[in-house]
Amino acid sequence: MFTSLDFGRLRKVKSLALKSVVTVLRYARESNGEVIDHGAGFVLYVDTEVKKVVIITSVAVLADRSSDETIVVRFGNGKDSEASVLVDEPNSILLGLLVSDVDGYCEAAQINEDQPIERGQLVATFATVWTRFTDIGMYSGSIIHPSCVSVRRSKMIMEPVDDFKNYLAFSCPVAGPLYSLKQDANFRRLIGAPVFNLDGYVVGVTERCSKRSYDLKYARISSAILEELIILFGTDTWQEKLQELVRKKAEDSLQAANL
């Protein structure tokens, strides 16, 4: 049961998180503004000098995109910015996008490194999952299990396997398998959505939905996300590599504009 204090903290988290959560939209170039599909992502890095922002999303959000699609990022204030792929590593489940933030609206999300993730902990997920709404919604829930263990049933024996060892299970009352109710909330649109604790830290990034429960979702835990960033950028010092890539892209764009 949530207390008034909990709701007060959730509102505070929302005011902070909206600047670091985005919707990743896929348009067909010849579609006259029709959205093919969309997913979620978060702001990893902001370069205020060149007004560029790096967005992290799941490769699943853009997995089957074609060359005639345009990728657009919608910020929490409702403004759009066309995106380009900054870094795409085949061995990583993450993908980095580069966008412009001329208004200076975005703020980088804080990824949890040392705060405990505990059963029953109140969390909030932010995403746009309904086709009829364009605003980013906040969906409150709680940690059901902070470290999942999956099992494989073999005759009468339950064998632990490692498929879900980097995941936490949490409740999120949206985008579940409600086929019989004909809801237009597609789980794919929740993929890439960060899960925040009440201190405003990202404790996980949504990747999976339970096939049997509407409310149950799975997120890759923050420690595993940090490991994925090392894989994505190809170095332990990924922050430095990230800054180099952003500045190089900005310089290339400036030179191209001056030709």
Protein backbone atom coordinates (compact mmCIF):
# COMPACT_ATOMS: atom_id res chain seq x y z
CA MET A 1 0.00 0.00 0.00
CA PHE A 2 1.45 3.39 -1.01
CA THR A 3 1.52 6.23 1.51
CA SER A 4 1.11 9.94 0.74
CA LEU A 5 4.85 10.24 1.30
CA ASP A 6 5.47 7.61 -1.38
CA PHE A 7 3.31 9.48 -3.88
CA GLY A 8 5.08 12.71 -3.04
CA ARG A 9 8.43 11.11 -3.78
CA LEU A 10 7.05 9.59 -6.99
CA ARG A 11 6.00 13.03 -8.20
CA LYS A 12 9.49 14.30 -7.42
CA VAL A 13 11.06 11.39 -9.33
CA LYS A 14 8.82 12.17 -12.30
CA SER A 15 9.89 15.81 -12.38
CA LEU A 16 13.53 14.69 -12.47
CA ALA A 17 13.15 11.67 -14.73
CA LEU A 18 11.26 13.38 -17.56
CA LYS A 19 14.44 15.22 -18.55
CA SER A 20 16.32 11.93 -18.91
CA VAL A 21 13.65 9.69 -20.48
CA VAL A 22 12.81 9.68 -24.19
CA THR A 23 10.55 8.00 -26.73
CA VAL A 24 12.34 6.54 -29.78
CA LEU A 25 10.08 6.85 -32.84
CA ARG A 26 10.47 5.13 -36.19
CA TYR A 27 9.06 6.88 -39.27
CA ALA A 28 8.93 5.72 -42.87
CA ARG A 29 10.36 8.59 -44.94
CA GLU A 30 7.48 8.46 -47.40
CA SER A 31 4.72 7.98 -44.83
CA ASN A 32 3.63 11.62 -44.34
CA GLY A 33 4.36 11.47 -40.63
CA GLU A 34 3.03 7.99 -39.87
CA VAL A 35 4.88 6.26 -37.02
CA ILE A 36 5.86 2.66 -37.79
CA ASP A 37 6.55 1.82 -34.15
CA HIS A 38 8.25 3.20 -31.09
CA GLY A 39 10.15 2.24 -27.97
CA ALA A 40 11.84 3.91 -25.02
CA GLY A 41 15.30 5.04 -24.02
CA PHE A 42 17.22 7.26 -21.63
CA VAL A 43 19.77 10.05 -21.75
CA LEU A 44 23.27 8.78 -21.01
CA TYR A 45 25.35 11.86 -21.74
CA VAL A 46 24.81 15.57 -22.45
CA ASP A 47 27.47 17.74 -24.11
CA THR A 48 26.32 21.28 -23.39
CA GLU A 49 29.09 22.82 -25.48
CA VAL A 50 28.08 21.23 -28.78
CA LYS A 51 24.42 20.73 -27.69
CA LYS A 52 24.48 17.02 -28.39
CA VAL A 53 22.86 14.24 -26.38
CA VAL A 54 23.55 10.49 -26.36
CA ILE A 55 20.50 8.27 -25.98
CA ILE A 56 20.70 4.61 -24.95
CA THR A 57 18.00 2.20 -26.06
CA SER A 58 17.64 -1.53 -26.60
CA VAL A 59 18.69 -2.99 -29.95
CA ALA A 60 15.25 -4.63 -30.00
CA VAL A 61 13.59 -1.23 -30.49
CA LEU A 62 15.34 -0.77 -33.86
CA ALA A 63 16.17 -4.38 -34.68
CA ASP A 64 14.19 -4.72 -37.91
CA ARG A 65 14.44 -1.14 -39.15
CA SER A 66 15.00 -0.58 -42.87
CA SER A 67 17.24 1.91 -44.65
CA ASP A 68 14.27 4.08 -45.63
CA GLU A 69 13.28 4.80 -42.03
CA THR A 70 13.95 7.95 -40.06
CA ILE A 71 14.66 7.70 -36.32
CA VAL A 72 13.31 10.52 -34.15
CA VAL A 73 13.73 11.02 -30.41
CA ARG A 74 10.93 12.75 -28.48
CA PHE A 75 12.01 14.42 -25.25
CA GLY A 76 9.95 14.70 -22.07
CA ASN A 77 8.91 18.25 -23.04
CA GLY A 78 7.28 16.93 -26.23
CA LYS A 79 9.90 18.25 -28.65
CA ASP A 80 11.40 16.02 -31.36
CA SER A 81 14.94 15.68 -32.67
CA GLU A 82 16.06 13.48 -35.56
CA ALA A 83 18.59 10.88 -34.41
CA SER A 84 21.53 9.09 -35.96
CA VAL A 85 23.23 5.92 -34.74
CA LEU A 86 26.36 6.82 -32.78
CA VAL A 87 27.49 3.35 -31.77
CA ASP A 88 26.15 -0.12 -32.56
CA GLU A 89 28.11 -3.12 -31.30
CA PRO A 90 26.82 -6.56 -32.39
CA ASN A 91 27.80 -8.12 -29.04
CA SER A 92 25.81 -5.61 -26.97
CA ILE A 93 22.08 -5.51 -26.27
CA LEU A 94 22.29 -1.70 -26.19
CA LEU A 95 22.51 0.87 -28.96
CA GLY A 96 23.62 4.50 -28.79
CA LEU A 97 21.86 7.33 -30.64
CA LEU A 98 23.03 10.91 -31.12
CA VAL A 99 20.57 13.81 -31.15
CA SER A 100 20.66 17.60 -30.85
CA ASP A 101 19.26 19.37 -27.81
CA VAL A 102 19.29 23.03 -28.83
CA ASP A 103 17.05 24.05 -25.90
CA GLY A 104 19.32 22.49 -23.27
CA TYR A 105 16.40 20.52 -21.85
CA CYS A 106 17.96 17.08 -21.29
CA GLU A 107 19.78 15.79 -18.26
CA ALA A 108 21.73 12.55 -18.04
CA ALA A 109 20.14 9.73 -16.07
CA GLN A 110 22.01 8.54 -13.00
CA ILE A 111 22.65 4.80 -13.19
CA ASN A 112 22.65 3.07 -9.84
CA GLU A 113 26.03 1.68 -8.80
CA ASP A 114 25.91 1.08 -5.05
CA GLN A 115 22.37 1.56 -3.72
CA PRO A 116 20.76 -1.74 -2.71
CA ILE A 117 17.93 -3.20 -4.81
CA GLU A 118 15.49 -4.92 -2.48
CA ARG A 119 12.27 -6.90 -2.65
CA GLY A 120 9.25 -4.63 -2.16
CA GLN A 121 11.15 -1.47 -3.08
CA LEU A 122 8.92 1.12 -4.76
CA VAL A 123 9.94 1.94 -8.35
CA ALA A 124 8.62 3.93 -11.31
CA THR A 125 8.83 3.17 -15.02
CA PHE A 126 8.53 5.90 -17.67
CA ALA A 127 7.46 5.26 -21.25
CA THR A 128 4.94 6.06 -23.99
CA VAL A 129 3.10 2.81 -24.60
CA TRP A 130 -0.32 3.91 -25.88
CA THR A 131 -0.72 4.94 -29.51
CA ARG A 132 -3.36 7.51 -28.65
CA PHE A 133 -1.13 9.32 -26.16
CA THR A 134 2.09 11.16 -26.98
CA ASP A 135 3.17 12.09 -23.45
CA ILE A 136 5.54 9.92 -21.44
CA GLY A 137 3.59 8.13 -18.72
CA MET A 138 4.70 7.18 -15.22
CA TYR A 139 3.82 3.66 -14.02
CA SER A 140 4.49 2.93 -10.36
CA GLY A 141 5.20 -0.54 -9.03
CA SER A 142 7.61 -2.45 -6.85
CA ILE A 143 10.53 -4.85 -7.02
CA ILE A 144 9.16 -8.39 -6.89
CA HIS A 145 12.55 -10.10 -6.96
CA PRO A 146 15.89 -8.22 -7.09
CA SER A 147 17.85 -11.09 -8.66
CA CYS A 148 15.98 -13.56 -10.83
CA VAL A 149 16.85 -17.22 -11.13
CA SER A 150 15.30 -19.06 -14.06
CA VAL A 151 14.77 -22.81 -14.07
CA ARG A 152 14.32 -25.50 -16.67
CA ARG A 153 11.92 -28.34 -15.91
CA SER A 154 13.50 -31.71 -16.74
CA LYS A 155 11.11 -34.54 -15.90
CA MET A 156 10.57 -34.05 -12.15
CA ILE A 157 13.70 -31.95 -11.59
CA MET A 158 13.92 -28.14 -11.67
CA GLU A 159 17.36 -27.14 -12.99
CA PRO A 160 18.62 -23.57 -12.45
CA VAL A 161 19.87 -21.88 -15.63
CA ASP A 162 21.57 -18.53 -16.20
CA ASP A 163 19.11 -17.01 -18.68
CA PHE A 164 17.84 -14.38 -16.23
CA LYS A 165 20.71 -13.95 -13.77
CA ASN A 166 21.15 -10.27 -14.71
CA TYR A 167 17.48 -9.37 -14.31
CA LEU A 168 15.17 -8.06 -11.64
CA ALA A 169 11.43 -8.70 -11.67
CA PHE A 170 9.13 -5.76 -11.05
CA SER A 171 5.48 -4.84 -11.32
CA CYS A 172 4.40 -2.39 -14.02
CA PRO A 173 0.66 -2.19 -14.78
CA VAL A 174 0.86 -1.52 -18.51
CA ALA A 175 1.67 -3.22 -21.84
CA GLY A 176 1.09 -6.78 -20.77
CA PRO A 177 -0.40 -9.75 -22.67
CA LEU A 178 -3.99 -8.48 -22.71
CA TYR A 179 -4.88 -9.84 -26.13
CA SER A 180 -8.40 -10.76 -25.08
CA LEU A 181 -9.08 -7.17 -23.99
CA LYS A 182 -7.81 -5.82 -27.32
CA GLN A 183 -5.64 -3.17 -25.69
CA ASP A 184 -3.42 -1.11 -28.01
CA ALA A 185 -0.52 -0.99 -25.55
CA ASN A 186 2.26 -2.97 -27.18
CA PHE A 187 4.95 -4.40 -24.90
CA ARG A 188 7.58 -3.57 -27.49
CA ARG A 189 6.96 0.09 -26.66
CA LEU A 190 8.03 -0.54 -23.07
CA ILE A 191 11.37 -2.05 -24.12
CA GLY A 192 14.26 0.25 -23.25
CA ALA A 193 12.28 2.06 -20.54
CA PRO A 194 14.40 2.81 -17.46
CA VAL A 195 13.16 1.76 -14.04
CA PHE A 196 13.84 4.36 -11.32
CA ASN A 197 14.03 4.03 -7.57
CA LEU A 198 12.60 6.83 -5.39
CA ASP A 199 16.02 8.50 -5.19
CA GLY A 200 15.93 9.02 -8.95
CA TYR A 201 18.53 6.40 -9.88
CA VAL A 202 18.08 3.93 -12.74
CA VAL A 203 18.04 0.46 -11.17
CA GLY A 204 17.21 -1.40 -14.38
CA VAL A 205 16.19 -1.16 -18.04
CA THR A 206 13.06 -2.99 -19.18
CA GLU A 207 13.61 -5.91 -21.55
CA ARG A 208 10.99 -8.59 -21.06
CA CYS A 209 7.34 -9.10 -20.22
CA SER A 210 5.81 -12.09 -18.48
CA LYS A 211 3.67 -14.13 -20.87
CA ARG A 212 1.38 -15.20 -18.06
CA SER A 213 1.01 -12.09 -15.92
CA TYR A 214 -0.09 -8.64 -17.10
CA ASP A 215 1.71 -6.84 -14.29
CA LEU A 216 5.04 -8.68 -14.25
CA LYS A 217 8.02 -7.29 -16.20
CA TYR A 218 11.76 -7.98 -16.23
CA ALA A 219 14.55 -5.40 -16.35
CA ARG A 220 18.27 -5.85 -16.81
CA ILE A 221 19.78 -4.65 -13.53
CA SER A 222 21.87 -1.48 -13.42
CA SER A 223 25.17 -3.28 -12.75
CA ALA A 224 24.62 -5.33 -15.92
CA ILE A 225 23.76 -2.16 -17.86
CA LEU A 226 27.11 -0.68 -16.83
CA GLU A 227 28.80 -3.86 -18.07
CA GLU A 228 26.90 -3.57 -21.36
CA LEU A 229 28.15 0.00 -21.79
CA ILE A 230 31.72 -1.30 -21.60
CA ILE A 231 30.87 -3.81 -24.35
CA LEU A 232 29.04 -1.18 -26.41
CA PHE A 233 31.91 1.30 -26.42
CA GLY A 234 34.65 -1.33 -26.39
CA THR A 235 36.57 -0.06 -23.37
CA ASP A 236 36.46 0.14 -19.57
CA THR A 237 36.86 3.91 -19.93
CA TRP A 238 33.66 4.16 -21.97
CA GLN A 239 32.89 7.66 -20.69
CA GLU A 240 36.03 9.01 -22.37
CA LYS A 241 35.31 7.07 -25.57
CA LEU A 242 31.77 8.43 -25.56
CA GLN A 243 32.96 12.03 -25.32
CA GLU A 244 35.44 11.47 -28.15
CA LEU A 245 32.75 10.06 -30.44
CA VAL A 246 30.37 12.93 -29.73
CA ARG A 247 33.00 15.61 -30.40
CA LYS A 248 34.12 13.85 -33.58
CA LYS A 249 30.54 13.70 -34.88
CA ALA A 250 30.02 17.36 -34.03
CA GLU A 251 33.22 18.36 -35.87
CA ASP A 252 32.26 16.28 -38.92
CA SER A 253 28.83 17.91 -39.01
CA LEU A 254 30.35 21.40 -38.79
CA GLN A 255 32.80 20.69 -41.60
CA ALA A 256 30.03 19.29 -43.79
CA ALA A 257 27.90 22.39 -43.20
CA ASN A 258 30.77 24.66 -44.22
CA LEU A 259 31.41 22.90 -47.54
